[in-house]
């Protein structure tokens, strides 16, 4: 990754052109689809484009990548796993919980740093989640996106960017803890209701 960052730094003038931004968006989408860590790209976006433009580019890229992953999962993977869901009751419970939680659970999971962004995209596609809820739920990544891009924008050169640690913001930590707790709470609640009806 160090070599990749060095090459991008050497081409920073290119990444500040229209074609460069388009290339960055394509790289980000590919990283999301391949379920690879994208936080370093968010830092890089802040370094290249600043806090605000960088955040917009990352949010747009992440949303596009997430939407493609969602439809790939729903169109191809979910059909093959339907038999698996019927064989293992726990999977049916998870499907019911996610469907019942809808936008609320999706948004809270996006706020929480515990749930991996790229894996969630495919996971929601496997369930009966409406794309509208999925898309609006992506708003939950905005606080984390802005934090990463803001920290990336503080780096004066690529060496500083490589040494940047994962952001540890008190407010984001509190939001993460609360959102994780609520995801667990609502999941347990909907699971209990499922078993009571069964």
N, C-alpha and C. Protein backbone atom coordinates (compact mmCIF):
# COMPACT_ATOMS: atom_id res chain seq x y z
N UNK A 1 0.83 -1.20 0.00
CA UNK A 1 0.00 0.00 0.00
C UNK A 1 0.86 1.26 0.00
N UNK A 2 2.07 1.18 0.61
CA UNK A 2 2.97 2.33 0.64
C UNK A 2 3.35 2.77 -0.77
N UNK A 3 3.67 1.78 -1.63
CA UNK A 3 4.03 2.10 -3.02
C UNK A 3 2.86 2.74 -3.73
N UNK A 4 1.65 2.21 -3.47
CA UNK A 4 0.43 2.75 -4.08
C UNK A 4 0.22 4.20 -3.67
N UNK A 5 0.42 4.49 -2.37
CA UNK A 5 0.26 5.86 -1.87
C UNK A 5 1.30 6.79 -2.48
N UNK A 6 2.54 6.29 -2.62
CA UNK A 6 3.59 7.11 -3.21
C UNK A 6 3.24 7.47 -4.66
N UNK A 7 2.74 6.47 -5.40
CA UNK A 7 2.37 6.71 -6.80
C UNK A 7 1.23 7.72 -6.90
N UNK A 8 0.26 7.60 -5.99
CA UNK A 8 -0.86 8.55 -6.00
C UNK A 8 -0.36 9.95 -5.67
N UNK A 9 0.57 10.04 -4.71
CA UNK A 9 1.12 11.36 -4.36
C UNK A 9 1.82 11.98 -5.56
N UNK A 10 2.59 11.16 -6.28
CA UNK A 10 3.29 11.65 -7.47
C UNK A 10 2.32 12.08 -8.56
N UNK A 11 1.12 11.50 -8.53
CA UNK A 11 0.10 11.83 -9.52
C UNK A 11 -1.01 12.71 -8.93
N UNK A 12 -0.70 13.38 -7.82
CA UNK A 12 -1.74 14.15 -7.13
C UNK A 12 -2.35 15.22 -8.03
N UNK A 13 -1.54 15.77 -8.93
CA UNK A 13 -2.08 16.77 -9.87
C UNK A 13 -3.14 16.12 -10.76
N UNK A 14 -2.91 14.84 -11.13
CA UNK A 14 -3.87 14.12 -11.98
C UNK A 14 -5.17 13.88 -11.23
N UNK A 15 -5.08 13.49 -9.96
CA UNK A 15 -6.27 13.17 -9.18
C UNK A 15 -7.10 14.41 -8.84
N UNK A 16 -6.57 15.58 -9.12
CA UNK A 16 -7.34 16.80 -8.91
C UNK A 16 -7.99 17.30 -10.21
N UNK A 17 -7.96 16.46 -11.24
CA UNK A 17 -8.68 16.77 -12.48
C UNK A 17 -9.98 15.98 -12.49
N UNK A 18 -10.85 16.29 -13.44
CA UNK A 18 -12.12 15.57 -13.55
C UNK A 18 -11.92 14.09 -13.77
N UNK A 19 -10.99 13.73 -14.66
CA UNK A 19 -10.69 12.32 -14.93
C UNK A 19 -10.09 11.67 -13.70
N UNK A 20 -9.28 12.43 -12.96
CA UNK A 20 -8.65 11.90 -11.75
C UNK A 20 -9.67 11.57 -10.68
N UNK A 21 -10.64 12.47 -10.49
CA UNK A 21 -11.70 12.22 -9.51
C UNK A 21 -12.52 11.00 -9.92
N UNK A 22 -12.81 10.91 -11.21
CA UNK A 22 -13.55 9.74 -11.73
C UNK A 22 -12.76 8.45 -11.46
N UNK A 23 -11.45 8.50 -11.66
CA UNK A 23 -10.60 7.33 -11.40
C UNK A 23 -10.62 6.96 -9.93
N UNK A 24 -10.57 7.97 -9.07
CA UNK A 24 -10.61 7.73 -7.62
C UNK A 24 -11.92 7.06 -7.23
N UNK A 25 -13.03 7.56 -7.79
CA UNK A 25 -14.35 6.98 -7.51
C UNK A 25 -14.38 5.51 -7.93
N UNK A 26 -13.84 5.21 -9.11
CA UNK A 26 -13.81 3.82 -9.61
C UNK A 26 -12.99 2.92 -8.70
N UNK A 27 -11.84 3.43 -8.24
CA UNK A 27 -10.99 2.65 -7.33
C UNK A 27 -11.74 2.37 -6.03
N UNK A 28 -12.42 3.38 -5.51
CA UNK A 28 -13.15 3.22 -4.25
C UNK A 28 -14.26 2.19 -4.40
N UNK A 29 -15.00 2.28 -5.50
CA UNK A 29 -16.09 1.31 -5.75
C UNK A 29 -15.53 -0.10 -5.81
N UNK A 30 -14.41 -0.28 -6.50
CA UNK A 30 -13.79 -1.61 -6.62
C UNK A 30 -13.38 -2.16 -5.26
N UNK A 31 -12.80 -1.29 -4.43
CA UNK A 31 -12.38 -1.70 -3.08
C UNK A 31 -13.59 -2.17 -2.26
N UNK A 32 -14.70 -1.44 -2.37
CA UNK A 32 -15.93 -1.80 -1.65
C UNK A 32 -16.47 -3.14 -2.14
N UNK A 33 -16.48 -3.35 -3.46
CA UNK A 33 -17.01 -4.58 -4.04
C UNK A 33 -16.16 -5.80 -3.66
N UNK A 34 -14.86 -5.58 -3.52
CA UNK A 34 -13.95 -6.68 -3.17
C UNK A 34 -13.86 -6.91 -1.66
N UNK A 35 -14.66 -6.19 -0.91
CA UNK A 35 -14.70 -6.29 0.57
C UNK A 35 -13.31 -6.05 1.18
N UNK A 36 -12.64 -5.02 0.69
CA UNK A 36 -11.33 -4.64 1.22
C UNK A 36 -11.48 -3.38 2.08
N UNK A 37 -10.58 -3.17 3.04
CA UNK A 37 -10.68 -1.98 3.90
C UNK A 37 -10.58 -0.70 3.07
N UNK A 38 -11.49 0.22 3.30
CA UNK A 38 -11.51 1.47 2.51
C UNK A 38 -11.22 2.70 3.35
N UNK A 39 -10.97 2.52 4.64
CA UNK A 39 -10.76 3.69 5.51
C UNK A 39 -9.54 4.50 5.07
N UNK A 40 -8.50 3.82 4.59
CA UNK A 40 -7.29 4.54 4.15
C UNK A 40 -7.59 5.38 2.91
N UNK A 41 -8.54 4.92 2.08
CA UNK A 41 -8.93 5.70 0.91
C UNK A 41 -9.69 6.96 1.34
N UNK A 42 -10.44 6.86 2.43
CA UNK A 42 -11.14 8.03 2.95
C UNK A 42 -10.14 9.06 3.46
N UNK A 43 -9.10 8.59 4.15
CA UNK A 43 -8.04 9.49 4.59
C UNK A 43 -7.37 10.15 3.39
N UNK A 44 -7.11 9.33 2.37
CA UNK A 44 -6.46 9.83 1.16
C UNK A 44 -7.34 10.86 0.44
N UNK A 45 -8.63 10.63 0.44
CA UNK A 45 -9.56 11.58 -0.18
C UNK A 45 -9.50 12.92 0.52
N UNK A 46 -9.43 12.90 1.86
CA UNK A 46 -9.29 14.14 2.62
C UNK A 46 -7.99 14.84 2.30
N UNK A 47 -6.93 14.06 2.13
CA UNK A 47 -5.61 14.62 1.80
C UNK A 47 -5.61 15.27 0.41
N UNK A 48 -6.25 14.61 -0.56
CA UNK A 48 -6.26 15.09 -1.94
C UNK A 48 -7.25 16.22 -2.18
N UNK A 49 -8.43 16.11 -1.54
CA UNK A 49 -9.53 17.01 -1.90
C UNK A 49 -10.03 17.90 -0.75
N UNK A 50 -9.53 17.67 0.46
CA UNK A 50 -9.99 18.46 1.59
C UNK A 50 -11.17 17.80 2.30
N UNK A 51 -11.56 18.34 3.43
CA UNK A 51 -12.59 17.72 4.28
C UNK A 51 -13.93 17.60 3.57
N UNK A 52 -14.40 18.70 2.96
CA UNK A 52 -15.77 18.74 2.44
C UNK A 52 -15.90 18.04 1.09
N UNK A 53 -15.07 18.43 0.13
CA UNK A 53 -15.13 17.78 -1.18
C UNK A 53 -14.74 16.31 -1.05
N UNK A 54 -13.74 16.04 -0.21
CA UNK A 54 -13.32 14.66 0.01
C UNK A 54 -14.43 13.80 0.58
N UNK A 55 -15.19 14.36 1.52
CA UNK A 55 -16.32 13.64 2.12
C UNK A 55 -17.41 13.35 1.09
N UNK A 56 -17.69 14.35 0.25
CA UNK A 56 -18.71 14.17 -0.78
C UNK A 56 -18.30 13.07 -1.76
N UNK A 57 -17.03 13.09 -2.16
CA UNK A 57 -16.53 12.08 -3.11
C UNK A 57 -16.58 10.69 -2.48
N UNK A 58 -16.16 10.58 -1.22
CA UNK A 58 -16.18 9.28 -0.55
C UNK A 58 -17.61 8.77 -0.36
N UNK A 59 -18.50 9.66 0.08
CA UNK A 59 -19.90 9.24 0.28
C UNK A 59 -20.53 8.79 -1.04
N UNK A 60 -20.29 9.53 -2.10
CA UNK A 60 -20.81 9.17 -3.42
C UNK A 60 -20.24 7.82 -3.87
N UNK A 61 -18.93 7.64 -3.73
CA UNK A 61 -18.26 6.40 -4.15
C UNK A 61 -18.74 5.21 -3.33
N UNK A 62 -18.78 5.40 -2.01
CA UNK A 62 -19.20 4.31 -1.12
C UNK A 62 -20.65 3.93 -1.38
N UNK A 63 -21.50 4.91 -1.63
CA UNK A 63 -22.92 4.65 -1.89
C UNK A 63 -23.10 3.88 -3.20
N UNK A 64 -22.35 4.27 -4.22
CA UNK A 64 -22.42 3.55 -5.51
C UNK A 64 -21.94 2.11 -5.36
N UNK A 65 -20.78 1.95 -4.71
CA UNK A 65 -20.24 0.61 -4.49
C UNK A 65 -21.18 -0.26 -3.67
N UNK A 66 -21.75 0.34 -2.61
CA UNK A 66 -22.67 -0.40 -1.75
C UNK A 66 -23.92 -0.82 -2.51
N UNK A 67 -24.44 0.06 -3.36
CA UNK A 67 -25.65 -0.25 -4.13
C UNK A 67 -25.41 -1.37 -5.13
N UNK A 68 -24.25 -1.34 -5.79
CA UNK A 68 -23.91 -2.41 -6.74
C UNK A 68 -23.81 -3.74 -6.00
N UNK A 69 -23.11 -3.75 -4.84
CA UNK A 69 -22.96 -4.97 -4.04
C UNK A 69 -24.32 -5.48 -3.58
N UNK A 70 -25.20 -4.57 -3.19
CA UNK A 70 -26.55 -4.94 -2.74
C UNK A 70 -27.32 -5.66 -3.85
N UNK A 71 -27.30 -5.09 -5.06
CA UNK A 71 -28.05 -5.69 -6.17
C UNK A 71 -27.42 -6.99 -6.66
N UNK A 72 -26.09 -7.07 -6.62
CA UNK A 72 -25.40 -8.33 -6.99
C UNK A 72 -25.81 -9.43 -6.02
N UNK A 73 -25.81 -9.09 -4.74
CA UNK A 73 -26.18 -10.06 -3.71
C UNK A 73 -27.64 -10.49 -3.85
N UNK A 74 -28.53 -9.51 -4.07
CA UNK A 74 -29.96 -9.80 -4.16
C UNK A 74 -30.30 -10.56 -5.45
N UNK A 75 -29.63 -10.25 -6.54
CA UNK A 75 -29.96 -10.84 -7.84
C UNK A 75 -29.35 -12.22 -8.04
N UNK A 76 -28.15 -12.44 -7.51
CA UNK A 76 -27.45 -13.69 -7.80
C UNK A 76 -27.24 -14.58 -6.58
N UNK A 77 -26.70 -13.99 -5.52
CA UNK A 77 -26.31 -14.82 -4.37
C UNK A 77 -27.52 -15.27 -3.56
N UNK A 78 -28.49 -14.38 -3.33
CA UNK A 78 -29.62 -14.71 -2.45
C UNK A 78 -30.44 -15.89 -2.97
N UNK A 79 -30.60 -15.98 -4.29
CA UNK A 79 -31.38 -17.08 -4.86
C UNK A 79 -30.74 -18.43 -4.56
N UNK A 80 -29.42 -18.45 -4.57
CA UNK A 80 -28.70 -19.70 -4.31
C UNK A 80 -28.71 -20.08 -2.84
N UNK A 81 -28.95 -19.09 -1.97
CA UNK A 81 -28.91 -19.37 -0.53
C UNK A 81 -30.29 -19.59 0.09
N UNK A 82 -31.34 -19.49 -0.70
CA UNK A 82 -32.69 -19.67 -0.16
C UNK A 82 -32.86 -21.04 0.49
N UNK A 83 -32.34 -22.08 -0.13
CA UNK A 83 -32.42 -23.43 0.44
C UNK A 83 -31.68 -23.52 1.77
N UNK A 84 -30.56 -22.80 1.84
CA UNK A 84 -29.76 -22.80 3.07
C UNK A 84 -30.54 -22.15 4.20
N UNK A 85 -31.28 -21.08 3.89
CA UNK A 85 -32.09 -20.40 4.88
C UNK A 85 -33.17 -21.32 5.44
N UNK A 86 -33.75 -22.13 4.57
CA UNK A 86 -34.82 -23.02 5.01
C UNK A 86 -34.28 -24.17 5.86
N UNK A 87 -33.03 -24.55 5.63
CA UNK A 87 -32.44 -25.66 6.39
C UNK A 87 -31.96 -25.25 7.77
N UNK A 88 -31.56 -23.98 7.91
CA UNK A 88 -31.03 -23.51 9.19
C UNK A 88 -31.94 -22.41 9.75
N UNK A 89 -32.73 -22.72 10.77
CA UNK A 89 -33.70 -21.77 11.34
C UNK A 89 -33.07 -20.46 11.80
N UNK A 90 -31.83 -20.50 12.27
CA UNK A 90 -31.19 -19.28 12.77
C UNK A 90 -31.05 -18.24 11.67
N UNK A 91 -30.85 -18.71 10.43
CA UNK A 91 -30.74 -17.80 9.30
C UNK A 91 -32.09 -17.15 8.99
N UNK A 92 -33.15 -17.93 9.17
CA UNK A 92 -34.50 -17.39 8.98
C UNK A 92 -34.82 -16.32 10.02
N UNK A 93 -34.33 -16.55 11.24
CA UNK A 93 -34.53 -15.57 12.31
C UNK A 93 -33.82 -14.27 11.95
N UNK A 94 -32.57 -14.38 11.49
CA UNK A 94 -31.81 -13.20 11.11
C UNK A 94 -32.51 -12.43 9.99
N UNK A 95 -33.04 -13.17 9.03
CA UNK A 95 -33.74 -12.55 7.90
C UNK A 95 -34.96 -11.77 8.39
N UNK A 96 -35.71 -12.39 9.32
CA UNK A 96 -36.91 -11.74 9.87
C UNK A 96 -36.54 -10.50 10.67
N UNK A 97 -35.49 -10.60 11.47
CA UNK A 97 -35.05 -9.47 12.30
C UNK A 97 -34.65 -8.29 11.42
N UNK A 98 -33.87 -8.55 10.39
CA UNK A 98 -33.41 -7.47 9.51
C UNK A 98 -34.59 -6.85 8.75
N UNK A 99 -35.50 -7.71 8.29
CA UNK A 99 -36.67 -7.22 7.56
C UNK A 99 -37.55 -6.35 8.45
N UNK A 100 -37.75 -6.80 9.68
CA UNK A 100 -38.62 -6.06 10.60
C UNK A 100 -37.95 -4.77 11.06
N UNK A 101 -36.66 -4.83 11.28
CA UNK A 101 -35.94 -3.63 11.72
C UNK A 101 -35.86 -2.58 10.63
N UNK A 102 -35.74 -3.02 9.37
CA UNK A 102 -35.72 -2.12 8.23
C UNK A 102 -34.71 -1.00 8.35
N UNK A 103 -35.14 0.19 8.00
CA UNK A 103 -34.26 1.36 7.97
C UNK A 103 -33.58 1.61 9.32
N UNK A 104 -34.33 1.41 10.40
CA UNK A 104 -33.81 1.70 11.75
C UNK A 104 -32.55 0.89 12.03
N UNK A 105 -32.60 -0.42 11.79
CA UNK A 105 -31.44 -1.27 12.04
C UNK A 105 -30.30 -0.98 11.06
N UNK A 106 -30.66 -0.72 9.82
CA UNK A 106 -29.64 -0.44 8.80
C UNK A 106 -28.87 0.83 9.16
N UNK A 107 -29.60 1.88 9.52
CA UNK A 107 -28.97 3.15 9.86
C UNK A 107 -28.07 3.01 11.09
N UNK A 108 -28.57 2.34 12.12
CA UNK A 108 -27.79 2.17 13.35
C UNK A 108 -26.53 1.34 13.11
N UNK A 109 -26.66 0.30 12.27
CA UNK A 109 -25.49 -0.53 11.96
C UNK A 109 -24.45 0.26 11.18
N UNK A 110 -24.89 1.19 10.35
CA UNK A 110 -23.96 2.03 9.59
C UNK A 110 -23.22 2.99 10.52
N UNK A 111 -23.87 3.44 11.57
CA UNK A 111 -23.23 4.33 12.54
C UNK A 111 -22.19 3.61 13.38
N UNK A 112 -22.42 2.32 13.61
CA UNK A 112 -21.54 1.56 14.49
C UNK A 112 -20.27 1.13 13.75
N UNK A 113 -19.10 1.32 14.38
CA UNK A 113 -17.84 0.92 13.75
C UNK A 113 -17.60 -0.60 13.81
N UNK A 114 -18.43 -1.31 14.56
CA UNK A 114 -18.24 -2.75 14.74
C UNK A 114 -18.60 -3.55 13.49
N UNK A 115 -19.62 -3.07 12.77
CA UNK A 115 -20.12 -3.81 11.61
C UNK A 115 -19.40 -3.36 10.34
N UNK A 116 -18.69 -4.27 9.66
CA UNK A 116 -17.91 -3.92 8.46
C UNK A 116 -18.82 -3.43 7.33
N UNK A 117 -18.48 -2.28 6.79
CA UNK A 117 -19.30 -1.64 5.76
C UNK A 117 -19.54 -2.54 4.55
N UNK A 118 -18.47 -3.07 3.97
CA UNK A 118 -18.59 -3.83 2.73
C UNK A 118 -19.36 -5.14 2.91
N UNK A 119 -19.17 -5.80 4.05
CA UNK A 119 -19.88 -7.06 4.30
C UNK A 119 -21.37 -6.81 4.48
N UNK A 120 -21.71 -5.70 5.14
CA UNK A 120 -23.13 -5.36 5.34
C UNK A 120 -23.86 -5.18 4.01
N UNK A 121 -23.16 -4.63 3.02
CA UNK A 121 -23.80 -4.40 1.72
C UNK A 121 -24.32 -5.71 1.12
N UNK A 122 -23.48 -6.74 1.16
CA UNK A 122 -23.88 -8.05 0.63
C UNK A 122 -24.90 -8.72 1.55
N UNK A 123 -24.71 -8.53 2.85
CA UNK A 123 -25.62 -9.15 3.82
C UNK A 123 -27.05 -8.65 3.64
N UNK A 124 -27.22 -7.34 3.48
CA UNK A 124 -28.57 -6.79 3.31
C UNK A 124 -29.20 -7.28 2.01
N UNK A 125 -28.38 -7.51 1.00
CA UNK A 125 -28.90 -8.03 -0.26
C UNK A 125 -29.45 -9.43 -0.14
N UNK A 126 -28.99 -10.17 0.85
CA UNK A 126 -29.45 -11.55 1.07
C UNK A 126 -30.81 -11.57 1.77
N UNK A 127 -31.21 -10.45 2.33
CA UNK A 127 -32.44 -10.39 3.11
C UNK A 127 -33.52 -9.60 2.36
N UNK A 128 -34.72 -9.64 2.90
CA UNK A 128 -35.83 -8.91 2.28
C UNK A 128 -35.82 -7.44 2.68
N UNK A 129 -34.73 -6.79 2.34
CA UNK A 129 -34.57 -5.38 2.66
C UNK A 129 -34.93 -4.55 1.43
N UNK A 130 -35.75 -3.52 1.62
CA UNK A 130 -36.10 -2.64 0.51
C UNK A 130 -34.90 -1.75 0.18
N UNK A 131 -34.70 -1.54 -1.11
CA UNK A 131 -33.55 -0.71 -1.51
C UNK A 131 -33.68 0.70 -0.96
N UNK A 132 -34.91 1.20 -0.84
CA UNK A 132 -35.12 2.55 -0.29
C UNK A 132 -34.55 2.64 1.12
N UNK A 133 -34.85 1.64 1.97
CA UNK A 133 -34.32 1.62 3.34
C UNK A 133 -32.80 1.48 3.32
N UNK A 134 -32.31 0.64 2.43
CA UNK A 134 -30.87 0.42 2.31
C UNK A 134 -30.16 1.72 1.92
N UNK A 135 -30.72 2.41 0.93
CA UNK A 135 -30.09 3.64 0.42
C UNK A 135 -30.12 4.76 1.46
N UNK A 136 -31.27 4.95 2.10
CA UNK A 136 -31.37 6.02 3.12
C UNK A 136 -30.49 5.69 4.31
N UNK A 137 -30.37 4.39 4.62
CA UNK A 137 -29.52 3.97 5.73
C UNK A 137 -28.06 4.32 5.54
N UNK A 138 -27.65 4.53 4.28
CA UNK A 138 -26.27 4.90 4.00
C UNK A 138 -25.90 6.27 4.57
N UNK A 139 -26.91 7.05 4.93
CA UNK A 139 -26.64 8.35 5.56
C UNK A 139 -25.88 8.16 6.87
N UNK A 140 -25.98 6.96 7.44
CA UNK A 140 -25.29 6.68 8.70
C UNK A 140 -23.77 6.69 8.58
N UNK A 141 -23.24 6.62 7.36
CA UNK A 141 -21.77 6.62 7.21
C UNK A 141 -21.20 8.04 7.14
N UNK A 142 -22.07 9.05 7.08
CA UNK A 142 -21.60 10.43 6.90
C UNK A 142 -20.69 10.91 8.05
N UNK A 143 -21.07 10.70 9.33
CA UNK A 143 -20.18 11.19 10.40
C UNK A 143 -18.77 10.58 10.34
N UNK A 144 -18.70 9.26 10.16
CA UNK A 144 -17.39 8.61 10.08
C UNK A 144 -16.60 9.05 8.86
N UNK A 145 -17.30 9.22 7.74
CA UNK A 145 -16.66 9.67 6.50
C UNK A 145 -16.04 11.04 6.68
N UNK A 146 -16.80 11.96 7.28
CA UNK A 146 -16.29 13.32 7.48
C UNK A 146 -15.11 13.33 8.44
N UNK A 147 -15.17 12.48 9.46
CA UNK A 147 -14.06 12.42 10.43
C UNK A 147 -12.78 11.95 9.76
N UNK A 148 -12.87 10.86 8.97
CA UNK A 148 -11.68 10.34 8.28
C UNK A 148 -11.12 11.36 7.29
N UNK A 149 -12.01 11.97 6.51
CA UNK A 149 -11.55 12.95 5.51
C UNK A 149 -10.95 14.18 6.18
N UNK A 150 -11.51 14.61 7.30
CA UNK A 150 -10.98 15.76 8.01
C UNK A 150 -9.57 15.48 8.53
N UNK A 151 -9.37 14.28 9.05
CA UNK A 151 -8.05 13.91 9.56
C UNK A 151 -7.06 13.79 8.41
N UNK A 152 -7.51 13.23 7.29
CA UNK A 152 -6.65 13.12 6.11
C UNK A 152 -6.24 14.48 5.58
N UNK A 153 -7.14 15.45 5.69
CA UNK A 153 -6.85 16.80 5.17
C UNK A 153 -5.79 17.52 5.99
N UNK A 154 -5.53 17.06 7.22
CA UNK A 154 -4.53 17.69 8.08
C UNK A 154 -3.10 17.30 7.71
N UNK A 155 -2.95 16.20 6.96
CA UNK A 155 -1.61 15.74 6.58
C UNK A 155 -1.00 16.72 5.57
N UNK A 156 0.25 17.08 5.79
CA UNK A 156 0.92 18.02 4.90
C UNK A 156 1.62 17.30 3.74
N UNK A 157 1.93 16.02 3.94
CA UNK A 157 2.56 15.24 2.87
C UNK A 157 2.19 13.77 3.03
N UNK A 158 2.60 12.96 2.08
CA UNK A 158 2.19 11.56 2.05
C UNK A 158 2.78 10.78 3.22
N UNK A 159 3.95 11.20 3.71
CA UNK A 159 4.57 10.52 4.85
C UNK A 159 3.72 10.68 6.10
N UNK A 160 3.21 11.89 6.31
CA UNK A 160 2.32 12.13 7.46
C UNK A 160 1.05 11.31 7.32
N UNK A 161 0.55 11.19 6.10
CA UNK A 161 -0.68 10.44 5.86
C UNK A 161 -0.49 8.97 6.21
N UNK A 162 0.69 8.43 5.88
CA UNK A 162 0.96 7.02 6.16
C UNK A 162 1.06 6.75 7.66
N UNK A 163 1.43 7.79 8.42
CA UNK A 163 1.59 7.63 9.86
C UNK A 163 0.33 7.95 10.65
N UNK A 164 -0.72 8.37 9.94
CA UNK A 164 -1.98 8.70 10.61
C UNK A 164 -2.59 7.45 11.21
N UNK A 165 -2.97 7.52 12.46
CA UNK A 165 -3.63 6.40 13.13
C UNK A 165 -5.14 6.50 12.90
N UNK A 166 -5.83 5.40 13.16
CA UNK A 166 -7.29 5.41 13.05
C UNK A 166 -7.85 6.47 13.99
N UNK A 167 -8.76 7.31 13.49
CA UNK A 167 -9.30 8.38 14.31
C UNK A 167 -10.00 7.88 15.57
N UNK A 168 -9.73 8.55 16.69
CA UNK A 168 -10.35 8.15 17.95
C UNK A 168 -11.02 9.39 18.55
N UNK A 169 -12.18 9.73 18.01
CA UNK A 169 -12.91 10.91 18.41
C UNK A 169 -13.93 10.53 19.49
N UNK A 170 -13.97 11.32 20.57
CA UNK A 170 -14.84 11.00 21.70
C UNK A 170 -16.30 10.91 21.28
N UNK A 171 -16.75 11.89 20.49
CA UNK A 171 -18.16 11.90 20.07
C UNK A 171 -18.49 10.70 19.20
N UNK A 172 -17.57 10.36 18.29
CA UNK A 172 -17.79 9.21 17.42
C UNK A 172 -17.79 7.91 18.21
N UNK A 173 -16.95 7.86 19.26
CA UNK A 173 -16.91 6.68 20.12
C UNK A 173 -18.24 6.51 20.85
N UNK A 174 -18.77 7.61 21.36
CA UNK A 174 -20.05 7.57 22.07
C UNK A 174 -21.18 7.15 21.12
N UNK A 175 -21.18 7.75 19.93
CA UNK A 175 -22.19 7.40 18.92
C UNK A 175 -22.08 5.92 18.55
N UNK A 176 -20.85 5.44 18.40
CA UNK A 176 -20.62 4.03 18.05
C UNK A 176 -21.13 3.08 19.12
N UNK A 177 -20.87 3.42 20.38
CA UNK A 177 -21.31 2.58 21.49
C UNK A 177 -22.83 2.54 21.58
N UNK A 178 -23.46 3.72 21.48
CA UNK A 178 -24.92 3.80 21.57
C UNK A 178 -25.58 3.06 20.40
N UNK A 179 -25.07 3.28 19.19
CA UNK A 179 -25.68 2.63 18.02
C UNK A 179 -25.51 1.12 18.08
N UNK A 180 -24.35 0.65 18.54
CA UNK A 180 -24.13 -0.80 18.67
C UNK A 180 -25.09 -1.39 19.69
N UNK A 181 -25.25 -0.70 20.82
CA UNK A 181 -26.18 -1.16 21.86
C UNK A 181 -27.60 -1.26 21.31
N UNK A 182 -28.02 -0.24 20.55
CA UNK A 182 -29.37 -0.24 20.00
C UNK A 182 -29.58 -1.33 18.96
N UNK A 183 -28.55 -1.61 18.17
CA UNK A 183 -28.65 -2.71 17.19
C UNK A 183 -28.86 -4.03 17.92
N UNK A 184 -28.08 -4.25 18.98
CA UNK A 184 -28.21 -5.49 19.76
C UNK A 184 -29.58 -5.55 20.44
N UNK A 185 -30.02 -4.41 20.99
CA UNK A 185 -31.32 -4.36 21.68
C UNK A 185 -32.47 -4.70 20.74
N UNK A 186 -32.53 -4.02 19.60
CA UNK A 186 -33.63 -4.25 18.66
C UNK A 186 -33.57 -5.64 18.04
N UNK A 187 -32.36 -6.13 17.79
CA UNK A 187 -32.21 -7.49 17.24
C UNK A 187 -32.75 -8.52 18.23
N UNK A 188 -32.41 -8.35 19.51
CA UNK A 188 -32.90 -9.27 20.54
C UNK A 188 -34.42 -9.18 20.67
N UNK A 189 -34.94 -7.96 20.60
CA UNK A 189 -36.38 -7.75 20.72
C UNK A 189 -37.13 -8.43 19.58
N UNK A 190 -36.68 -8.22 18.35
CA UNK A 190 -37.36 -8.81 17.20
C UNK A 190 -37.18 -10.33 17.16
N UNK A 191 -36.06 -10.82 17.66
CA UNK A 191 -35.84 -12.27 17.73
C UNK A 191 -36.81 -12.90 18.71
N UNK A 192 -36.98 -12.24 19.86
CA UNK A 192 -37.90 -12.74 20.88
C UNK A 192 -39.33 -12.78 20.33
N UNK A 193 -39.72 -11.74 19.64
CA UNK A 193 -41.06 -11.70 19.04
C UNK A 193 -41.25 -12.81 18.01
N UNK A 194 -40.19 -13.08 17.26
CA UNK A 194 -40.24 -14.15 16.25
C UNK A 194 -40.48 -15.50 16.89
N UNK A 195 -39.73 -15.78 17.97
CA UNK A 195 -39.87 -17.07 18.65
C UNK A 195 -41.21 -17.20 19.36
N UNK A 196 -41.72 -16.08 19.89
CA UNK A 196 -43.02 -16.11 20.55
C UNK A 196 -44.13 -16.44 19.57
N UNK A 197 -44.03 -15.89 18.37
CA UNK A 197 -45.04 -16.19 17.33
C UNK A 197 -44.90 -17.62 16.82
N UNK A 198 -43.65 -18.10 16.76
CA UNK A 198 -43.42 -19.46 16.28
C UNK A 198 -43.91 -20.50 17.29
